[in-house]
Amino acid sequence: MSTPTAHTANHSPLSPLRFLERSASVFPDRVAIVHGDRRYSYAEFAAETQRFAQALRARIQPGDRVAFLAPNVPELLIAHFAVPLAGGVLIALNSRLAGPELEYILNHSESSLLFVDSELVGSVSGVKENVPSVGHIIEVPDSTVPDPDVPAGVVTGRYDEFLASADTDASPLPWTVDDELQVIAINYTSGTTGKPKGVMYTHRGAYLNSFGETFHNGFDGKTKYLWTLPMFHCNGWCTPWAVTAAGGTHICLRAVRADAVWDAIDTLGVTNLCGAPAVCSTIANAEQAHALDRPLRITTAGAPPSPTVIAQLDAIGITVVHVYGLTEVYGPYTICEYQEAWDDKPAEERAALLSRQGVGMLQAENARVVDPEMNDVPADGQTMGEIVLRGNNVMLGYYKDPEATAEAFAGGWFHTGDLGVMYPDGYIQLKDRAKDIIISGGENISTVEVEQAIVNHPAVLDVAVVGVPDEKWGERPRAFVIRKKGESVTAEEIIAHVRAQLAGYKVPRDIVFPHDLPRTPTGKILKFELRASNNAQA
């Protein structure tokens, strides 16, 4: 029998754009977005998306990159639909990055438009001069920040003016794509190489990952999703599309503060939120923390959550679900599926089981833990190997970096660089990071990048940066610095020097000045010794 050919009657390219089209049609009057005093119905959400896309369509070519620098505000959520609807590729920028870091990403992506929140305009003041591809910088005001301090001479227009430029007589743009493998977004991750790499997501991958998020988080029309996870991080784990697919309500939040989170939980009926273990800790240890009389589900990732925090949240009726993934796999890939047999376990043991990284999600294949020859390690919970992944939710590749892409896909699997173990029940658990990456508050910090920022100080001879445990952030960087002979640079001076170059969360909180650094016979610094040594005590 010959292989049948796909026809329009039995095949349509997958795209998460369909989710907004459907929810706006089926639930036009349902509240889609809440932010301060603003409310958008699904009909209004779709209408603004169309206006935004029409205005973009007049200024970009298919495949052009459109950058967005903002906290979790409605305009960034809308951009997740409007930019691809216009045929563009969304670049959601990390709002915590410093000016030079943002300029590198904008140059590498050759972004043509930049939308920036009013409070963040100062961080892109050098874009006009240093990023020739950016033709316009559009300010995005936020009604919850009534009088922002906006530097003059940076922006070329405002968001409301940009929307007003849309052709109101034009036919609505179709909520479809011709090729489901075309790029919908590029997410930049530092990884461990020092320079950010652009991770390409496709319409197909985003569509399928959104289904996994919807299923595993239990999203439905009654979902009230609080935006504690940054939308710039893995496109918010694809949750802008997932919550919209379910017809749930997005509750936007500019910043994660304990009082604001608990206020939303108590007054807006939050049912779900996501975030790094630091978010869990903030909620559990807040003055406002109290027992709940209705379900609240927190999905956490970025670093292994503390069993202590899991137990704290469980005690007040909050369910914590642990997932694992990377930017290169659209965010979460595995989940610690709960087993009924754990009900009878002591709370401490149950929390330890829940802190594992788990099994493949519905839309994903099973993770493997392999040795250097790609053989599966014994499933004994002790033998370490590298975690490798594959499937529909692995990135298309690194943008403009075929060598790094080929290396990451060696042997037909994506190599995470994370070391872990496999348990007899098929659940994996992370044990270390093969390339010394630091994960702080869910954000990757490249030790190489921090070391380079320190070593360019004229008084520094050598440096090594490692991650050390931190109760709030999971990990934080610590620097071991060797001064040049005769120099007396202080820790405060080095910290200030690094802060001028990198985002604040990458700056080491403390500096250690040892007599020397432990090395192998070939000169490689033994970072594991630094982490374990008495020198690690600042």
Protein backbone atom coordinates (compact mmCIF):
# COMPACT_ATOMS: atom_id res chain seq x y z
CA MET A 1 0.00 0.00 0.00
CA SER A 2 1.39 3.43 -0.87
CA THR A 3 1.89 6.05 1.80
CA PRO A 4 -1.05 8.47 1.81
CA THR A 5 -0.39 12.10 1.05
CA ALA A 6 -1.49 14.81 3.46
CA HIS A 7 -4.31 17.00 2.12
CA THR A 8 -5.98 20.14 3.44
CA ALA A 9 -8.88 17.96 4.56
CA ASN A 10 -6.73 15.93 6.93
CA HIS A 11 -3.78 18.12 7.78
CA SER A 12 -3.30 21.64 9.11
CA PRO A 13 -0.03 23.06 10.47
CA LEU A 14 0.00 23.30 14.26
CA SER A 15 0.26 26.73 15.89
CA PRO A 16 -0.70 28.10 19.33
CA LEU A 17 -2.31 31.04 17.51
CA ARG A 18 -5.32 28.75 17.21
CA PHE A 19 -5.78 28.83 20.99
CA LEU A 20 -6.65 32.54 21.09
CA GLU A 21 -8.83 32.28 18.01
CA ARG A 22 -10.86 29.51 19.65
CA SER A 23 -11.15 31.04 23.14
CA ALA A 24 -12.20 34.42 21.71
CA SER A 25 -14.86 32.71 19.61
CA VAL A 26 -16.19 30.33 22.27
CA PHE A 27 -15.76 32.52 25.39
CA PRO A 28 -15.81 36.12 24.08
CA ASP A 29 -17.09 37.65 27.33
CA ARG A 30 -14.96 35.64 29.75
CA VAL A 31 -12.25 37.58 31.59
CA ALA A 32 -8.93 36.74 29.92
CA ILE A 33 -6.48 39.19 31.52
CA VAL A 34 -6.39 41.04 34.84
CA HIS A 35 -3.79 43.69 35.63
CA GLY A 36 -4.36 46.35 38.28
CA ASP A 37 -7.49 48.20 37.23
CA ARG A 38 -7.42 46.73 33.72
CA ARG A 39 -9.60 43.86 32.52
CA TYR A 40 -9.62 42.27 29.07
CA SER A 41 -12.29 39.87 27.87
CA TYR A 42 -11.23 37.20 25.42
CA ALA A 43 -12.87 39.18 22.63
CA GLU A 44 -10.83 42.25 23.63
CA PHE A 45 -7.65 40.15 23.97
CA ALA A 46 -8.08 38.90 20.39
CA ALA A 47 -9.02 42.32 19.04
CA GLU A 48 -5.92 44.01 20.48
CA THR A 49 -3.80 41.15 19.20
CA GLN A 50 -5.16 41.76 15.70
CA ARG A 51 -4.52 45.52 15.91
CA PHE A 52 -1.00 44.97 17.22
CA ALA A 53 -0.31 42.41 14.50
CA GLN A 54 -1.67 44.67 11.74
CA ALA A 55 0.59 47.51 12.90
CA LEU A 56 3.56 45.14 13.03
CA ARG A 57 2.76 43.69 9.61
CA ALA A 58 3.18 47.14 8.06
CA ARG A 59 6.71 47.45 9.49
CA ILE A 60 8.28 43.99 9.34
CA GLN A 61 9.01 41.27 6.84
CA PRO A 62 8.15 37.59 7.51
CA GLY A 63 10.70 36.12 9.89
CA ASP A 64 11.85 39.50 11.26
CA ARG A 65 12.68 39.52 14.95
CA VAL A 66 10.65 41.73 17.28
CA ALA A 67 12.09 42.28 20.75
CA PHE A 68 10.10 42.97 23.92
CA LEU A 69 11.63 44.15 27.21
CA ALA A 70 9.02 44.25 29.96
CA PRO A 71 7.89 42.65 33.22
CA ASN A 72 4.75 40.49 33.22
CA VAL A 73 2.33 43.05 31.79
CA PRO A 74 -0.60 42.45 29.39
CA GLU A 75 1.28 43.87 26.40
CA LEU A 76 3.97 41.19 26.63
CA LEU A 77 1.28 38.51 26.91
CA ILE A 78 -0.47 39.93 23.84
CA ALA A 79 2.85 40.04 22.00
CA HIS A 80 3.12 36.25 22.31
CA PHE A 81 0.23 36.09 19.84
CA ALA A 82 0.55 39.34 17.90
CA VAL A 83 4.19 38.97 16.82
CA PRO A 84 3.78 35.48 15.27
CA LEU A 85 0.36 36.48 13.89
CA ALA A 86 2.18 39.23 11.97
CA GLY A 87 4.73 36.68 10.72
CA GLY A 88 7.47 37.81 13.08
CA VAL A 89 9.61 36.04 15.66
CA LEU A 90 9.29 37.14 19.29
CA ILE A 91 12.44 37.90 21.29
CA ALA A 92 11.33 38.24 24.93
CA LEU A 93 14.27 39.88 26.70
CA ASN A 94 15.32 39.23 30.27
CA SER A 95 14.31 42.39 32.13
CA ARG A 96 17.14 41.84 34.64
CA LEU A 97 19.94 42.17 32.10
CA ALA A 98 22.31 45.15 31.90
CA GLY A 99 22.56 47.41 28.84
CA PRO A 100 25.58 45.72 27.19
CA GLU A 101 23.96 42.28 27.59
CA LEU A 102 20.74 43.48 25.97
CA GLU A 103 22.66 45.08 23.13
CA TYR A 104 24.51 41.84 22.41
CA ILE A 105 21.22 39.93 22.09
CA LEU A 106 19.62 42.62 19.95
CA ASN A 107 22.63 42.65 17.64
CA HIS A 108 22.88 38.87 17.44
CA SER A 109 19.17 38.49 16.69
CA GLU A 110 19.20 41.52 14.36
CA SER A 111 15.93 42.64 15.89
CA SER A 112 14.14 45.30 13.88
CA LEU A 113 11.76 46.63 16.53
CA LEU A 114 12.13 46.99 20.30
CA PHE A 115 9.22 47.46 22.69
CA VAL A 116 10.28 48.50 26.18
CA ASP A 117 8.45 49.10 29.45
CA SER A 118 8.65 52.70 30.68
CA GLU A 119 10.65 51.77 33.78
CA LEU A 120 13.22 49.90 31.69
CA VAL A 121 13.90 52.54 29.05
CA GLY A 122 17.12 53.55 30.79
CA SER A 123 18.64 50.10 30.23
CA VAL A 124 18.37 50.48 26.44
CA SER A 125 19.72 54.01 26.21
CA GLY A 126 22.65 52.83 24.06
CA VAL A 127 20.60 50.83 21.55
CA LYS A 128 20.24 53.61 18.97
CA GLU A 129 23.99 54.01 18.78
CA ASN A 130 25.07 50.41 19.21
CA VAL A 131 22.36 48.30 17.52
CA PRO A 132 21.89 49.40 13.91
CA SER A 133 19.18 46.85 13.09
CA VAL A 134 16.66 48.35 15.54
CA GLY A 135 14.66 50.90 13.59
CA HIS A 136 12.19 51.91 16.31
CA ILE A 137 12.09 51.81 20.11
CA ILE A 138 8.50 51.85 21.34
CA GLU A 139 7.71 52.74 24.96
CA VAL A 140 5.09 50.58 26.70
CA PRO A 141 3.52 52.52 29.62
CA ASP A 142 1.82 50.68 32.48
CA SER A 143 -1.15 52.16 34.33
CA THR A 144 0.08 50.59 37.59
CA VAL A 145 3.19 52.83 37.40
CA PRO A 146 1.64 56.30 37.01
CA ASP A 147 4.77 58.49 36.94
CA PRO A 148 7.77 56.54 35.64
CA ASP A 149 11.10 58.27 35.23
CA VAL A 150 11.70 57.88 31.47
CA PRO A 151 15.01 59.19 30.08
CA ALA A 152 14.56 61.59 27.19
CA GLY A 153 15.77 60.91 23.67
CA VAL A 154 15.60 57.11 23.76
CA VAL A 155 12.17 56.04 22.51
CA THR A 156 10.75 56.87 19.10
CA GLY A 157 7.08 56.27 19.92
CA ARG A 158 4.52 54.84 22.33
CA TYR A 159 2.54 51.62 22.31
CA ASP A 160 -0.84 53.35 22.02
CA GLU A 161 0.41 55.35 19.03
CA PHE A 162 1.74 52.18 17.46
CA LEU A 163 -1.65 50.45 17.82
CA ALA A 164 -3.41 53.49 16.38
CA SER A 165 -1.34 53.18 13.22
CA ALA A 166 -2.99 49.85 12.34
CA ASP A 167 -5.17 49.78 9.24
CA THR A 168 -8.67 49.47 10.68
CA ASP A 169 -10.12 48.60 7.28
CA ALA A 170 -7.80 45.64 6.73
CA SER A 171 -9.16 42.11 6.90
CA PRO A 172 -8.29 40.17 10.05
CA LEU A 173 -5.04 38.27 9.78
CA PRO A 174 -5.52 34.48 9.69
CA TRP A 175 -4.70 32.60 12.89
CA THR A 176 -2.69 30.08 10.87
CA VAL A 177 0.79 29.42 9.53
CA ASP A 178 1.90 27.72 6.33
CA ASP A 179 4.74 25.83 8.03
CA GLU A 180 4.45 24.56 11.59
CA LEU A 181 8.25 24.30 11.81
CA GLN A 182 8.77 27.99 11.26
CA VAL A 183 10.24 29.81 14.25
CA ILE A 184 7.76 31.44 16.64
CA ALA A 185 10.25 32.71 19.23
CA ILE A 186 13.94 32.84 20.08
CA ASN A 187 14.89 32.64 23.75
CA TYR A 188 18.40 33.62 24.75
CA THR A 189 20.17 31.59 27.40
CA SER A 190 23.67 32.08 28.71
CA GLY A 191 24.27 28.36 29.15
CA THR A 192 27.88 27.88 30.19
CA THR A 193 29.76 29.47 27.32
CA GLY A 194 29.60 33.06 28.52
CA LYS A 195 27.81 34.46 25.48
CA PRO A 196 24.03 33.98 25.24
CA LYS A 197 22.76 31.51 22.64
CA GLY A 198 19.48 31.94 20.81
CA VAL A 199 17.20 28.93 21.30
CA MET A 200 14.71 28.59 18.44
CA TYR A 201 11.15 27.49 19.22
CA THR A 202 8.76 26.40 16.46
CA HIS A 203 4.99 26.80 16.18
CA ARG A 204 4.66 23.01 16.38
CA GLY A 205 6.81 22.67 19.48
CA ALA A 206 5.04 25.53 21.26
CA TYR A 207 1.63 24.06 20.39
CA LEU A 208 2.48 20.61 21.71
CA ASN A 209 4.26 21.85 24.83
CA SER A 210 1.24 24.02 25.62
CA PHE A 211 -0.93 20.91 25.63
CA GLY A 212 1.43 19.28 28.10
CA GLU A 213 1.31 22.33 30.36
CA THR A 214 -2.48 22.47 30.19
CA PHE A 215 -2.85 18.79 31.04
CA HIS A 216 -0.32 18.53 33.85
CA ASN A 217 -1.32 21.81 35.52
CA GLY A 218 -5.01 21.00 35.26
CA PHE A 219 -5.83 24.26 33.44
CA ASP A 220 -9.48 24.81 32.51
CA GLY A 221 -11.96 27.64 32.17
CA LYS A 222 -11.94 28.25 35.93
CA THR A 223 -8.16 28.61 36.11
CA LYS A 224 -6.86 31.84 37.61
CA TYR A 225 -3.16 31.82 36.72
CA LEU A 226 -0.87 34.25 38.57
CA TRP A 227 2.15 35.41 36.57
CA THR A 228 4.99 34.91 39.06
CA LEU A 229 7.11 33.16 36.40
CA PRO A 230 8.79 35.65 34.02
CA MET A 231 7.28 35.56 30.54
CA PHE A 232 10.78 36.16 29.17
CA HIS A 233 11.93 32.81 30.56
CA CYS A 234 11.21 30.04 28.01
CA ASN A 235 8.20 32.14 26.97
CA GLY A 236 6.87 31.59 30.46
CA TRP A 237 7.18 27.81 29.98
CA CYS A 238 4.68 28.22 27.11
CA THR A 239 2.02 29.17 29.66
CA PRO A 240 0.86 32.31 27.75
CA TRP A 241 -0.43 29.89 25.14
CA ALA A 242 -1.48 27.11 27.56
CA VAL A 243 -3.74 29.20 29.83
CA THR A 244 -5.26 30.80 26.75
CA ALA A 245 -5.93 27.37 25.25
CA ALA A 246 -7.89 26.46 28.38
CA GLY A 247 -9.83 29.73 28.37
CA GLY A 248 -8.46 30.57 31.82
CA THR A 249 -7.66 33.98 33.30
CA HIS A 250 -4.16 35.48 33.24
CA ILE A 251 -3.41 37.60 36.33
CA CYS A 252 -0.41 39.77 35.51
CA LEU A 253 2.12 40.81 38.15
CA ARG A 254 4.99 43.26 37.66
CA ALA A 255 7.11 41.92 40.49
CA VAL A 256 7.05 38.95 42.84
CA ARG A 257 6.49 40.40 46.31
CA ALA A 258 5.05 38.38 49.15
CA ASP A 259 2.28 40.88 49.87
CA ALA A 260 1.24 41.17 46.21
CA VAL A 261 1.22 37.41 45.71
CA TRP A 262 -0.85 36.71 48.81
CA ASP A 263 -3.21 39.58 47.98
CA ALA A 264 -3.84 38.01 44.56
CA ILE A 265 -4.34 34.59 46.15
CA ASP A 266 -6.88 35.93 48.63
CA THR A 267 -8.76 38.50 46.51
CA LEU A 268 -8.51 37.20 42.94
CA GLY A 269 -8.90 33.49 43.60
CA VAL A 270 -5.57 32.32 42.21
CA THR A 271 -5.59 28.59 41.42
CA ASN A 272 -2.18 28.15 39.78
CA LEU A 273 1.23 29.73 39.59
CA CYS A 274 4.72 28.70 38.53
CA GLY A 275 8.18 29.73 39.62
CA ALA A 276 11.60 28.86 40.94
CA PRO A 277 12.07 27.50 44.48
CA ALA A 278 12.71 31.10 45.58
CA VAL A 279 9.06 31.86 44.77
CA CYS A 280 7.95 28.90 46.88
CA SER A 281 10.11 30.14 49.74
CA THR A 282 8.73 33.68 49.42
CA ILE A 283 5.16 32.39 49.66
CA ALA A 284 5.83 29.93 52.47
CA ASN A 285 7.73 32.41 54.65
CA ALA A 286 5.58 35.48 54.06
CA GLU A 287 3.98 37.26 57.00
CA GLN A 288 0.68 36.89 55.15
CA ALA A 289 0.97 33.09 54.82
CA HIS A 290 -2.05 31.18 56.10
CA ALA A 291 -3.95 27.97 55.53
CA LEU A 292 -6.14 27.89 52.42
CA ASP A 293 -9.65 26.48 52.16
CA ARG A 294 -9.40 25.86 48.39
CA PRO A 295 -6.80 24.28 46.09
CA LEU A 296 -3.69 26.15 44.99
CA ARG A 297 -1.07 24.46 42.83
CA ILE A 298 2.51 25.69 42.46
CA THR A 299 4.65 24.21 39.70
CA THR A 300 8.33 24.73 40.45
CA ALA A 301 11.61 24.20 38.63
CA GLY A 302 15.01 25.82 38.12
CA ALA A 303 16.74 24.05 41.02
CA PRO A 304 15.74 21.16 43.28
CA PRO A 305 13.13 22.54 45.70
CA SER A 306 13.85 22.18 49.38
CA PRO A 307 11.86 19.35 50.97
CA THR A 308 11.45 21.69 53.95
CA VAL A 309 9.67 24.32 51.83
CA ILE A 310 7.54 21.67 50.14
CA ALA A 311 6.45 20.46 53.58
CA GLN A 312 5.73 24.04 54.72
CA LEU A 313 3.45 24.67 51.75
CA ASP A 314 1.77 21.30 52.05
CA ALA A 315 0.92 22.14 55.66
CA ILE A 316 -1.13 25.16 54.56
CA GLY A 317 -2.87 23.35 51.73
CA ILE A 318 -0.67 24.30 48.78
CA THR A 319 0.34 21.52 46.41
CA VAL A 320 3.84 21.72 44.95
CA VAL A 321 4.59 19.95 41.69
CA HIS A 322 8.22 19.64 40.65
CA VAL A 323 9.20 19.74 36.96
CA TYR A 324 12.54 19.79 35.17
CA GLY A 325 13.63 21.22 31.87
CA LEU A 326 15.76 23.79 30.13
CA THR A 327 15.32 26.69 27.75
CA GLU A 328 16.33 24.29 24.97
CA VAL A 329 13.26 22.10 25.61
CA TYR A 330 10.58 24.81 25.91
CA GLY A 331 10.82 24.80 29.70
CA PRO A 332 9.42 21.79 31.62
CA TYR A 333 10.10 18.38 30.11
CA THR A 334 9.79 15.98 33.07
CA ILE A 335 7.42 16.07 36.03
CA CYS A 336 7.42 14.40 39.41
CA GLU A 337 4.11 12.57 39.02
CA TYR A 338 2.50 11.92 42.38
CA GLN A 339 1.90 8.30 43.36
CA GLU A 340 -0.97 7.31 45.65
CA ALA A 341 1.40 4.97 47.48
CA TRP A 342 3.16 8.07 48.82
CA ASP A 343 0.08 9.05 50.84
CA ASP A 344 1.17 6.82 53.69
CA LYS A 345 4.77 8.02 53.74
CA PRO A 346 5.98 10.31 56.53
CA ALA A 347 5.85 13.96 55.48
CA GLU A 348 9.62 14.27 55.31
CA GLU A 349 10.02 11.20 53.10
CA ARG A 350 7.15 12.27 50.88
CA ALA A 351 8.71 15.72 50.42
CA ALA A 352 12.02 14.09 49.44
CA LEU A 353 10.23 11.99 46.81
CA LEU A 354 8.50 15.11 45.48
CA SER A 355 11.82 16.94 45.12
CA ARG A 356 12.94 14.54 42.37
CA GLN A 357 12.77 15.61 38.74
CA GLY A 358 10.48 12.75 37.76
CA VAL A 359 9.38 11.26 34.44
CA GLY A 360 8.65 12.54 30.94
CA MET A 361 5.58 14.76 30.59
CA LEU A 362 2.65 13.81 28.37
CA GLN A 363 4.00 15.61 25.29
CA ALA A 364 7.58 14.45 25.84
CA GLU A 365 9.55 11.24 25.59
CA ASN A 366 11.20 9.63 28.60
CA ALA A 367 14.48 11.15 29.71
CA ARG A 368 17.59 9.00 29.72
CA VAL A 369 20.63 9.07 32.01
CA VAL A 370 23.67 7.93 30.05
CA ASP A 371 27.40 7.35 30.30
CA PRO A 372 29.90 8.99 27.87
CA GLU A 373 29.24 6.18 25.33
CA MET A 374 25.47 6.90 25.42
CA ASN A 375 24.70 3.72 27.35
CA ASP A 376 21.99 3.95 30.01
CA VAL A 377 23.41 3.93 33.53
CA PRO A 378 21.98 1.43 36.04
CA ALA A 379 18.64 2.52 37.49
CA ASP A 380 19.95 2.30 41.04
CA GLY A 381 19.53 5.89 42.22
CA GLN A 382 23.30 6.15 42.69
CA THR A 383 25.15 5.85 39.37
CA MET A 384 25.48 9.29 37.83
CA GLY A 385 25.33 10.07 34.13
CA GLU A 386 24.27 12.87 31.81
CA ILE A 387 20.57 13.54 31.29
CA VAL A 388 19.68 13.48 27.57
CA LEU A 389 16.33 14.30 25.97
CA ARG A 390 14.63 14.19 22.58
CA GLY A 391 11.22 14.69 20.99
CA ASN A 392 8.86 17.34 19.70
CA ASN A 393 9.75 19.71 22.51
CA VAL A 394 13.45 19.93 21.84
CA MET A 395 14.53 23.21 20.23
CA LEU A 396 14.96 23.57 16.48
CA GLY A 397 18.55 24.60 17.21
CA TYR A 398 20.70 27.55 18.25
CA TYR A 399 20.17 30.63 16.08
CA LYS A 400 23.12 31.28 13.76
CA ASP A 401 25.22 28.66 15.58
CA PRO A 402 25.29 25.34 13.68
CA GLU A 403 28.40 24.12 15.50
CA ALA A 404 26.83 24.46 18.95
CA THR A 405 23.63 22.88 17.61
CA ALA A 406 25.51 19.86 16.26
CA GLU A 407 27.35 19.44 19.55
CA ALA A 408 24.12 19.64 21.56
CA PHE A 409 22.46 17.01 19.33
CA ALA A 410 25.35 14.53 19.24
CA GLY A 411 24.11 10.95 19.01
CA GLY A 412 20.56 12.01 18.14
CA TRP A 413 19.70 13.28 21.63
CA PHE A 414 19.85 16.69 23.23
CA HIS A 415 22.66 16.78 25.79
CA THR A 416 21.57 18.79 28.81
CA GLY A 417 24.98 18.96 30.49
CA ASP A 418 23.19 18.03 33.73
CA LEU A 419 24.32 15.06 35.77
CA GLY A 420 21.74 12.91 37.46
CA VAL A 421 20.68 9.43 38.50
CA MET A 422 17.86 7.12 37.49
CA TYR A 423 15.80 5.41 40.19
CA PRO A 424 14.29 1.93 39.88
CA ASP A 425 10.82 3.49 39.49
CA GLY A 426 11.98 5.40 36.38
CA TYR A 427 12.19 8.80 38.08
CA ILE A 428 15.31 10.89 37.52
CA GLN A 429 17.04 13.21 39.97
CA LEU A 430 19.65 15.90 39.31
CA LYS A 431 22.89 15.61 41.25
CA ASP A 432 25.25 18.14 39.69
CA ARG A 433 25.82 20.28 36.63
CA ALA A 434 28.46 19.02 34.30
CA LYS A 435 29.67 22.47 33.30
CA ASP A 436 29.36 24.26 36.63
CA ILE A 437 26.39 26.35 35.63
CA ILE A 438 24.76 28.22 38.54
CA ILE A 439 20.97 28.35 38.77
CA SER A 440 19.87 31.23 40.97
CA GLY A 441 16.18 31.93 41.38
CA GLY A 442 15.51 29.90 38.25
CA GLU A 443 17.96 31.94 36.14
CA ASN A 444 21.10 30.50 34.57
CA ILE A 445 24.37 32.19 35.50
CA SER A 446 27.46 31.35 33.48
CA THR A 447 30.52 31.16 35.72
CA VAL A 448 32.67 31.98 32.67
CA GLU A 449 30.77 35.21 32.09
CA VAL A 450 31.14 36.31 35.72
CA GLU A 451 34.83 35.34 35.75
CA GLN A 452 35.46 37.41 32.64
CA ALA A 453 33.77 40.42 34.22
CA ILE A 454 35.99 40.11 37.32
CA VAL A 455 39.28 39.34 35.65
CA ASN A 456 39.15 42.47 33.51
CA HIS A 457 39.65 44.50 36.69
CA PRO A 458 43.23 45.83 36.52
CA ALA A 459 44.08 44.55 40.01
CA VAL A 460 42.88 40.96 39.43
CA LEU A 461 45.33 38.23 38.40
CA ASP A 462 43.04 35.20 38.38
CA VAL A 463 39.56 34.18 39.45
CA ALA A 464 37.23 31.21 39.79
CA VAL A 465 33.48 31.44 40.34
CA VAL A 466 31.38 28.64 41.80
CA GLY A 467 27.83 28.23 42.96
CA VAL A 468 27.16 27.90 46.66
CA PRO A 469 23.88 26.93 48.32
CA ASP A 470 21.48 29.72 49.20
CA GLU A 471 18.28 29.18 51.18
CA LYS A 472 16.26 31.71 49.19
CA TRP A 473 17.69 31.51 45.66
CA GLY A 474 18.78 27.87 45.53
CA GLU A 475 22.30 28.88 44.54
CA ARG A 476 24.32 32.07 44.24
CA PRO A 477 27.76 32.84 42.83
CA ARG A 478 30.86 33.17 44.96
CA ALA A 479 34.17 34.39 43.54
CA PHE A 480 37.68 33.31 44.54
CA VAL A 481 40.03 36.08 43.49
CA ILE A 482 43.82 36.20 43.24
CA ARG A 483 45.12 39.75 43.36
CA LYS A 484 48.08 40.95 41.34
CA LYS A 485 51.22 41.45 43.35
CA GLY A 486 51.15 44.72 45.25
CA GLU A 487 47.43 45.27 44.67
CA SER A 488 44.92 45.64 47.51
CA VAL A 489 41.57 45.77 45.72
CA THR A 490 38.68 45.13 48.10
CA ALA A 491 35.65 42.87 47.77
CA GLU A 492 33.40 45.92 47.61
CA GLU A 493 35.39 47.36 44.71
CA ILE A 494 35.19 44.10 42.76
CA ILE A 495 31.45 43.79 43.39
CA ALA A 496 30.92 47.35 42.13
CA HIS A 497 33.10 46.59 39.09
CA VAL A 498 31.00 43.55 38.17
CA ARG A 499 27.70 45.28 38.85
CA ALA A 500 28.57 47.88 36.20
CA GLN A 501 28.83 45.11 33.58
CA LEU A 502 26.28 42.43 34.47
CA ALA A 503 22.77 42.02 35.76
CA GLY A 504 22.49 42.25 39.54
CA TYR A 505 21.57 38.59 40.07
CA LYS A 506 24.87 37.53 38.44
CA VAL A 507 27.03 39.61 40.79
CA PRO A 508 28.81 37.57 43.52
CA ARG A 509 27.56 38.54 46.94
CA ASP A 510 30.91 37.79 48.51
CA ILE A 511 34.53 37.53 47.41
CA VAL A 512 37.16 35.20 48.86
CA PHE A 513 40.87 36.03 48.54
CA PRO A 514 42.78 32.71 48.82
CA HIS A 515 46.55 32.40 48.44
CA ASP A 516 46.10 30.22 45.34
CA LEU A 517 43.56 28.19 43.39
CA PRO A 518 43.56 24.37 43.32
CA ARG A 519 44.45 23.03 39.86
CA THR A 520 44.95 19.80 37.97
CA PRO A 521 48.43 18.99 36.61
CA THR A 522 47.34 20.56 33.33
CA GLY A 523 46.31 23.80 35.03
CA LYS A 524 42.54 23.40 35.13
CA ILE A 525 40.94 24.87 38.25
CA LEU A 526 39.32 22.25 40.48
CA LYS A 527 36.03 23.96 41.18
CA PHE A 528 34.61 21.06 43.11
CA GLU A 529 37.42 21.54 45.64
CA LEU A 530 36.51 25.20 45.98
CA ARG A 531 32.90 24.30 46.66
CA ALA A 532 33.89 21.76 49.29
CA SER A 533 36.86 23.49 50.88
CA ASN A 534 37.02 25.59 54.02
CA ASN A 535 37.84 28.48 51.70
CA ALA A 536 34.18 28.42 50.66
CA GLN A 537 33.39 30.06 53.98
CA ALA A 538 33.47 33.77 53.25
